[in-house]
Amino acid sequence: MDTLLTNYIMHSGGADGSDTMWDIIGKVYGLNTVRHYYYITKTPRGNFPISEAAYEEGKSAVYRANNTLKRQNIEKYMGLLARNWCQVKNSDAVFAIIEGFIGSTIVKGGTGWAVQMAIDSDKDAFVFDQSSDCWFTYDIDFLAWRQIEVPSLTLDFAGIGTREIKPNGLKAIIDCYDLITKEKTLF
């Protein structure tokens, strides 16, 4: 089983919690990981520094996402938020473990930034909400989240999420990897 996902690349921020678990569990399946960080805000497992140009591009994506998120004090966390843009930019889709929504459309916490950047970039966004124990995808046509079955990982994906990962969040990650291995054995 250790070579099944060698063509897949996961982009992450290398933060504790979900980011790390996407990485650790993925290694069992042969997954390659790129952990983005900005030199001022290196995370525990960061290994790929972003350039100043990428940082500036990330800032623009952060400001655009904030048109929807309407959050305060974003400059304080800009290193981490701009790094999130690199995860989104370099992936085909975002897969996140979350702990709920604000209202019906905004993902809570820091993960909400990357998810919103994916939506703003017309990329697929998939979230597993630990509080409802369900997967959702953002439906751009209806501007709303809709419940789905376990989503299929893309070749270049961002695996991110809450630092407070729970057993059902771990299972959701494993389910994504298992789905790919099942799909590969069918062909």
C-alpha atoms as a PDB file:
ATOM      1  CA  MET A   1       0.000   0.000   0.000  1.00  0.00           C
ATOM      2  CA  ASP A   2       2.920   2.410   0.547  1.00  0.00           C
ATOM      3  CA  THR A   3       3.193   3.384  -3.138  1.00  0.00           C
ATOM      4  CA  LEU A   4      -0.437   3.974  -4.092  1.00  0.00           C
ATOM      5  CA  LEU A   5      -0.395   7.771  -3.872  1.00  0.00           C
ATOM      6  CA  THR A   6       3.123   8.573  -5.049  1.00  0.00           C
ATOM      7  CA  ASN A   7       1.727  10.750  -7.876  1.00  0.00           C
ATOM      8  CA  TYR A   8      -0.305  12.831  -5.425  1.00  0.00           C
ATOM      9  CA  ILE A   9       0.962  16.008  -3.779  1.00  0.00           C
ATOM     10  CA  MET A  10      -0.618  17.519  -0.699  1.00  0.00           C
ATOM     11  CA  HIS A  11      -0.081  21.203   0.052  1.00  0.00           C
ATOM     12  CA  SER A  12      -0.232  22.156   3.697  1.00  0.00           C
ATOM     13  CA  GLY A  13       0.870  24.754   6.175  1.00  0.00           C
ATOM     14  CA  GLY A  14       2.416  22.139   8.441  1.00  0.00           C
ATOM     15  CA  ALA A  15       0.437  23.341  11.461  1.00  0.00           C
ATOM     16  CA  ASP A  16      -0.422  21.120  14.408  1.00  0.00           C
ATOM     17  CA  GLY A  17      -3.722  19.268  14.176  1.00  0.00           C
ATOM     18  CA  SER A  18      -5.391  18.544  10.844  1.00  0.00           C
ATOM     19  CA  ASP A  19      -2.500  19.724   8.633  1.00  0.00           C
ATOM     20  CA  THR A  20      -0.153  17.351  10.407  1.00  0.00           C
ATOM     21  CA  MET A  21      -2.601  14.460  10.345  1.00  0.00           C
ATOM     22  CA  TRP A  22      -3.231  14.813   6.579  1.00  0.00           C
ATOM     23  CA  ASP A  23       0.561  14.544   6.256  1.00  0.00           C
ATOM     24  CA  ILE A  24       1.237  11.683   8.694  1.00  0.00           C
ATOM     25  CA  ILE A  25      -1.652   9.519   7.491  1.00  0.00           C
ATOM     26  CA  GLY A  26      -0.828  10.329   3.865  1.00  0.00           C
ATOM     27  CA  LYS A  27       2.741   9.068   4.309  1.00  0.00           C
ATOM     28  CA  VAL A  28       1.319   5.582   4.945  1.00  0.00           C
ATOM     29  CA  TYR A  29      -0.157   5.744   1.439  1.00  0.00           C
ATOM     30  CA  GLY A  30       3.036   7.074  -0.186  1.00  0.00           C
ATOM     31  CA  LEU A  31       1.812  10.672  -0.426  1.00  0.00           C
ATOM     32  CA  ASN A  32       4.230  13.539  -1.130  1.00  0.00           C
ATOM     33  CA  THR A  33       3.769  16.701   0.933  1.00  0.00           C
ATOM     34  CA  VAL A  34       4.799  20.306   0.449  1.00  0.00           C
ATOM     35  CA  ARG A  35       4.498  22.329   3.668  1.00  0.00           C
ATOM     36  CA  HIS A  36       4.432  26.059   2.893  1.00  0.00           C
ATOM     37  CA  TYR A  37       5.560  28.702   5.380  1.00  0.00           C
ATOM     38  CA  TYR A  38       6.549  32.341   5.486  1.00  0.00           C
ATOM     39  CA  TYR A  39       9.902  32.863   7.184  1.00  0.00           C
ATOM     40  CA  ILE A  40       8.437  34.995   9.973  1.00  0.00           C
ATOM     41  CA  THR A  41       5.765  32.449  10.873  1.00  0.00           C
ATOM     42  CA  LYS A  42       7.333  29.029  10.360  1.00  0.00           C
ATOM     43  CA  THR A  43       5.023  26.289  11.580  1.00  0.00           C
ATOM     44  CA  PRO A  44       6.226  23.125  13.363  1.00  0.00           C
ATOM     45  CA  ARG A  45       6.384  21.054  10.173  1.00  0.00           C
ATOM     46  CA  GLY A  46       6.992  23.790   7.586  1.00  0.00           C
ATOM     47  CA  ASN A  47       9.593  22.973   4.935  1.00  0.00           C
ATOM     48  CA  PHE A  48       8.946  25.130   1.846  1.00  0.00           C
ATOM     49  CA  PRO A  49       9.501  28.860   2.361  1.00  0.00           C
ATOM     50  CA  ILE A  50       7.387  31.152   0.207  1.00  0.00           C
ATOM     51  CA  SER A  51       9.056  34.006  -1.646  1.00  0.00           C
ATOM     52  CA  GLU A  52       8.407  37.689  -1.047  1.00  0.00           C
ATOM     53  CA  ALA A  53       6.539  37.792  -4.384  1.00  0.00           C
ATOM     54  CA  ALA A  54       4.324  34.894  -3.262  1.00  0.00           C
ATOM     55  CA  TYR A  55       3.798  36.661   0.063  1.00  0.00           C
ATOM     56  CA  GLU A  56       2.642  39.839  -1.710  1.00  0.00           C
ATOM     57  CA  GLU A  57       0.354  37.834  -3.994  1.00  0.00           C
ATOM     58  CA  GLY A  58      -0.985  36.076  -0.897  1.00  0.00           C
ATOM     59  CA  LYS A  59      -1.766  39.398   0.758  1.00  0.00           C
ATOM     60  CA  SER A  60      -3.967  40.328  -2.215  1.00  0.00           C
ATOM     61  CA  ALA A  61      -5.815  37.007  -1.900  1.00  0.00           C
ATOM     62  CA  VAL A  62      -6.261  37.611   1.846  1.00  0.00           C
ATOM     63  CA  TYR A  63      -7.793  41.051   1.270  1.00  0.00           C
ATOM     64  CA  ARG A  64     -10.126  39.600  -1.360  1.00  0.00           C
ATOM     65  CA  ALA A  65     -11.207  36.781   1.003  1.00  0.00           C
ATOM     66  CA  ASN A  66     -11.826  39.337   3.722  1.00  0.00           C
ATOM     67  CA  ASN A  67     -14.473  41.009   1.536  1.00  0.00           C
ATOM     68  CA  THR A  68     -16.569  37.944   2.439  1.00  0.00           C
ATOM     69  CA  LEU A  69     -15.130  37.020   5.845  1.00  0.00           C
ATOM     70  CA  LYS A  70     -15.138  40.571   7.274  1.00  0.00           C
ATOM     71  CA  ARG A  71     -12.598  39.764   9.987  1.00  0.00           C
ATOM     72  CA  GLN A  72     -10.524  42.194  12.053  1.00  0.00           C
ATOM     73  CA  ASN A  73      -6.774  42.409  12.770  1.00  0.00           C
ATOM     74  CA  ILE A  74      -5.718  40.511   9.659  1.00  0.00           C
ATOM     75  CA  GLU A  75      -2.309  42.237   9.519  1.00  0.00           C
ATOM     76  CA  LYS A  76      -1.329  40.518  12.769  1.00  0.00           C
ATOM     77  CA  TYR A  77      -1.639  37.105  11.079  1.00  0.00           C
ATOM     78  CA  MET A  78      -0.650  38.052   7.521  1.00  0.00           C
ATOM     79  CA  GLY A  79       2.341  35.680   7.402  1.00  0.00           C
ATOM     80  CA  LEU A  80       0.112  32.695   8.080  1.00  0.00           C
ATOM     81  CA  LEU A  81      -2.741  33.959   5.915  1.00  0.00           C
ATOM     82  CA  ALA A  82      -0.524  34.706   2.901  1.00  0.00           C
ATOM     83  CA  ARG A  83       0.978  31.245   3.338  1.00  0.00           C
ATOM     84  CA  ASN A  84      -2.562  29.855   3.064  1.00  0.00           C
ATOM     85  CA  TRP A  85      -2.763  31.378  -0.407  1.00  0.00           C
ATOM     86  CA  CYS A  86       0.244  29.289  -1.509  1.00  0.00           C
ATOM     87  CA  GLN A  87      -1.567  26.140  -0.416  1.00  0.00           C
ATOM     88  CA  VAL A  88      -4.628  27.140  -2.431  1.00  0.00           C
ATOM     89  CA  LYS A  89      -2.752  28.470  -5.468  1.00  0.00           C
ATOM     90  CA  ASN A  90      -0.702  25.290  -5.851  1.00  0.00           C
ATOM     91  CA  SER A  91      -3.633  22.889  -5.442  1.00  0.00           C
ATOM     92  CA  ASP A  92      -6.528  21.754  -7.584  1.00  0.00           C
ATOM     93  CA  ALA A  93      -8.910  21.639  -4.619  1.00  0.00           C
ATOM     94  CA  VAL A  94      -9.002  22.246  -0.868  1.00  0.00           C
ATOM     95  CA  PHE A  95      -9.964  19.510   1.606  1.00  0.00           C
ATOM     96  CA  ALA A  96     -10.440  20.786   5.154  1.00  0.00           C
ATOM     97  CA  ILE A  97     -11.400  19.426   8.547  1.00  0.00           C
ATOM     98  CA  ILE A  98     -13.446  22.103  10.303  1.00  0.00           C
ATOM     99  CA  GLU A  99     -15.411  22.780  13.461  1.00  0.00           C
ATOM    100  CA  GLY A 100     -18.540  24.418  12.104  1.00  0.00           C
ATOM    101  CA  PHE A 101     -19.744  27.344  10.078  1.00  0.00           C
ATOM    102  CA  ILE A 102     -20.547  30.965  10.867  1.00  0.00           C
ATOM    103  CA  GLY A 103     -24.084  31.363   9.659  1.00  0.00           C
ATOM    104  CA  SER A 104     -24.568  28.998   6.771  1.00  0.00           C
ATOM    105  CA  THR A 105     -21.719  29.912   4.442  1.00  0.00           C
ATOM    106  CA  ILE A 106     -18.481  30.891   6.235  1.00  0.00           C
ATOM    107  CA  VAL A 107     -16.058  28.349   7.697  1.00  0.00           C
ATOM    108  CA  LYS A 108     -15.000  29.157  11.268  1.00  0.00           C
ATOM    109  CA  GLY A 109     -11.437  29.856  12.341  1.00  0.00           C
ATOM    110  CA  GLY A 110      -8.201  30.180  10.446  1.00  0.00           C
ATOM    111  CA  THR A 111      -9.134  27.395   8.049  1.00  0.00           C
ATOM    112  CA  GLY A 112     -11.914  29.645   6.759  1.00  0.00           C
ATOM    113  CA  TRP A 113      -9.304  31.819   5.066  1.00  0.00           C
ATOM    114  CA  ALA A 114      -7.948  29.087   2.787  1.00  0.00           C
ATOM    115  CA  VAL A 115     -11.430  27.763   2.107  1.00  0.00           C
ATOM    116  CA  GLN A 116     -12.640  31.237   1.120  1.00  0.00           C
ATOM    117  CA  MET A 117      -9.565  31.777  -1.077  1.00  0.00           C
ATOM    118  CA  ALA A 118     -10.371  28.511  -2.877  1.00  0.00           C
ATOM    119  CA  ILE A 119     -13.965  29.632  -3.420  1.00  0.00           C
ATOM    120  CA  ASP A 120     -12.773  33.049  -4.630  1.00  0.00           C
ATOM    121  CA  SER A 121     -10.458  31.259  -7.109  1.00  0.00           C
ATOM    122  CA  ASP A 122     -13.218  28.976  -8.446  1.00  0.00           C
ATOM    123  CA  LYS A 123     -11.496  25.914  -7.000  1.00  0.00           C
ATOM    124  CA  ASP A 124     -13.371  23.051  -5.419  1.00  0.00           C
ATOM    125  CA  ALA A 125     -13.656  23.314  -1.647  1.00  0.00           C
ATOM    126  CA  PHE A 126     -14.565  20.305   0.473  1.00  0.00           C
ATOM    127  CA  VAL A 127     -14.994  20.486   4.241  1.00  0.00           C
ATOM    128  CA  PHE A 128     -15.623  17.825   6.824  1.00  0.00           C
ATOM    129  CA  ASP A 129     -17.520  19.418   9.691  1.00  0.00           C
ATOM    130  CA  GLN A 130     -16.648  17.530  12.873  1.00  0.00           C
ATOM    131  CA  SER A 131     -19.655  18.974  14.698  1.00  0.00           C
ATOM    132  CA  SER A 132     -22.157  17.542  12.183  1.00  0.00           C
ATOM    133  CA  ASP A 133     -19.998  14.534  11.165  1.00  0.00           C
ATOM    134  CA  CYS A 134     -20.573  15.264   7.447  1.00  0.00           C
ATOM    135  CA  TRP A 135     -18.702  16.230   4.299  1.00  0.00           C
ATOM    136  CA  PHE A 136     -19.817  19.330   2.377  1.00  0.00           C
ATOM    137  CA  THR A 137     -18.801  20.992  -0.878  1.00  0.00           C
ATOM    138  CA  TYR A 138     -19.332  24.580  -1.865  1.00  0.00           C
ATOM    139  CA  ASP A 139     -21.822  24.867  -4.709  1.00  0.00           C
ATOM    140  CA  ILE A 140     -20.834  27.952  -6.663  1.00  0.00           C
ATOM    141  CA  ASP A 141     -24.149  27.975  -8.575  1.00  0.00           C
ATOM    142  CA  PHE A 142     -26.211  28.242  -5.384  1.00  0.00           C
ATOM    143  CA  LEU A 143     -23.595  30.047  -3.264  1.00  0.00           C
ATOM    144  CA  ALA A 144     -24.133  27.497  -0.514  1.00  0.00           C
ATOM    145  CA  TRP A 145     -22.652  24.378   1.038  1.00  0.00           C
ATOM    146  CA  ARG A 146     -24.300  21.056   0.221  1.00  0.00           C
ATOM    147  CA  GLN A 147     -23.763  17.726   1.915  1.00  0.00           C
ATOM    148  CA  ILE A 148     -21.901  15.034  -0.039  1.00  0.00           C
ATOM    149  CA  GLU A 149     -20.346  11.605   0.363  1.00  0.00           C
ATOM    150  CA  VAL A 150     -16.588  11.281   0.926  1.00  0.00           C
ATOM    151  CA  PRO A 151     -14.903  13.387  -1.800  1.00  0.00           C
ATOM    152  CA  SER A 152     -12.204  12.048  -4.090  1.00  0.00           C
ATOM    153  CA  LEU A 153      -8.796  13.667  -3.648  1.00  0.00           C
ATOM    154  CA  THR A 154      -7.227  15.465  -6.612  1.00  0.00           C
ATOM    155  CA  LEU A 155      -3.614  14.914  -7.718  1.00  0.00           C
ATOM    156  CA  ASP A 156      -2.575  18.280  -6.225  1.00  0.00           C
ATOM    157  CA  PHE A 157      -4.695  19.067  -3.184  1.00  0.00           C
ATOM    158  CA  ALA A 158      -4.526  21.175  -0.041  1.00  0.00           C
ATOM    159  CA  GLY A 159      -5.064  19.109   3.120  1.00  0.00           C
ATOM    160  CA  ILE A 160      -5.780  21.544   5.941  1.00  0.00           C
ATOM    161  CA  GLY A 161      -7.986  22.216   8.911  1.00  0.00           C
ATOM    162  CA  THR A 162      -8.531  22.830  12.567  1.00  0.00           C
ATOM    163  CA  ARG A 163      -5.823  22.326  15.151  1.00  0.00           C
ATOM    164  CA  GLU A 164      -8.476  20.655  17.317  1.00  0.00           C
ATOM    165  CA  ILE A 165      -8.914  17.482  15.301  1.00  0.00           C
ATOM    166  CA  LYS A 166     -11.247  14.853  16.756  1.00  0.00           C
ATOM    167  CA  PRO A 167     -11.531  11.114  16.085  1.00  0.00           C
ATOM    168  CA  ASN A 168     -14.220  11.666  13.430  1.00  0.00           C
ATOM    169  CA  GLY A 169     -11.934  14.188  11.701  1.00  0.00           C
ATOM    170  CA  LEU A 170      -9.139  11.597  11.644  1.00  0.00           C
ATOM    171  CA  LYS A 171     -11.550   9.058  10.188  1.00  0.00           C
ATOM    172  CA  ALA A 172     -12.616  11.575   7.504  1.00  0.00           C
ATOM    173  CA  ILE A 173      -8.979  11.929   6.406  1.00  0.00           C
ATOM    174  CA  ILE A 174      -8.489   8.162   6.317  1.00  0.00           C
ATOM    175  CA  ASP A 175     -11.733   7.792   4.352  1.00  0.00           C
ATOM    176  CA  CYS A 176     -10.398  10.177   1.672  1.00  0.00           C
ATOM    177  CA  TYR A 177      -7.170   8.216   1.308  1.00  0.00           C
ATOM    178  CA  ASP A 178      -9.012   4.875   1.376  1.00  0.00           C
ATOM    179  CA  LEU A 179     -11.379   6.062  -1.361  1.00  0.00           C
ATOM    180  CA  ILE A 180      -8.420   6.720  -3.680  1.00  0.00           C
ATOM    181  CA  THR A 181      -6.880   3.342  -2.960  1.00  0.00           C
ATOM    182  CA  LYS A 182     -10.230   1.643  -3.708  1.00  0.00           C
ATOM    183  CA  GLU A 183     -10.586   3.611  -6.942  1.00  0.00           C
ATOM    184  CA  LYS A 184      -7.058   2.638  -8.005  1.00  0.00           C
ATOM    185  CA  THR A 185      -7.676  -1.066  -7.382  1.00  0.00           C
ATOM    186  CA  LEU A 186     -10.806  -0.989  -9.545  1.00  0.00           C
ATOM    187  CA  PHE A 187      -8.796  -0.125 -12.666  1.00  0.00           C
END
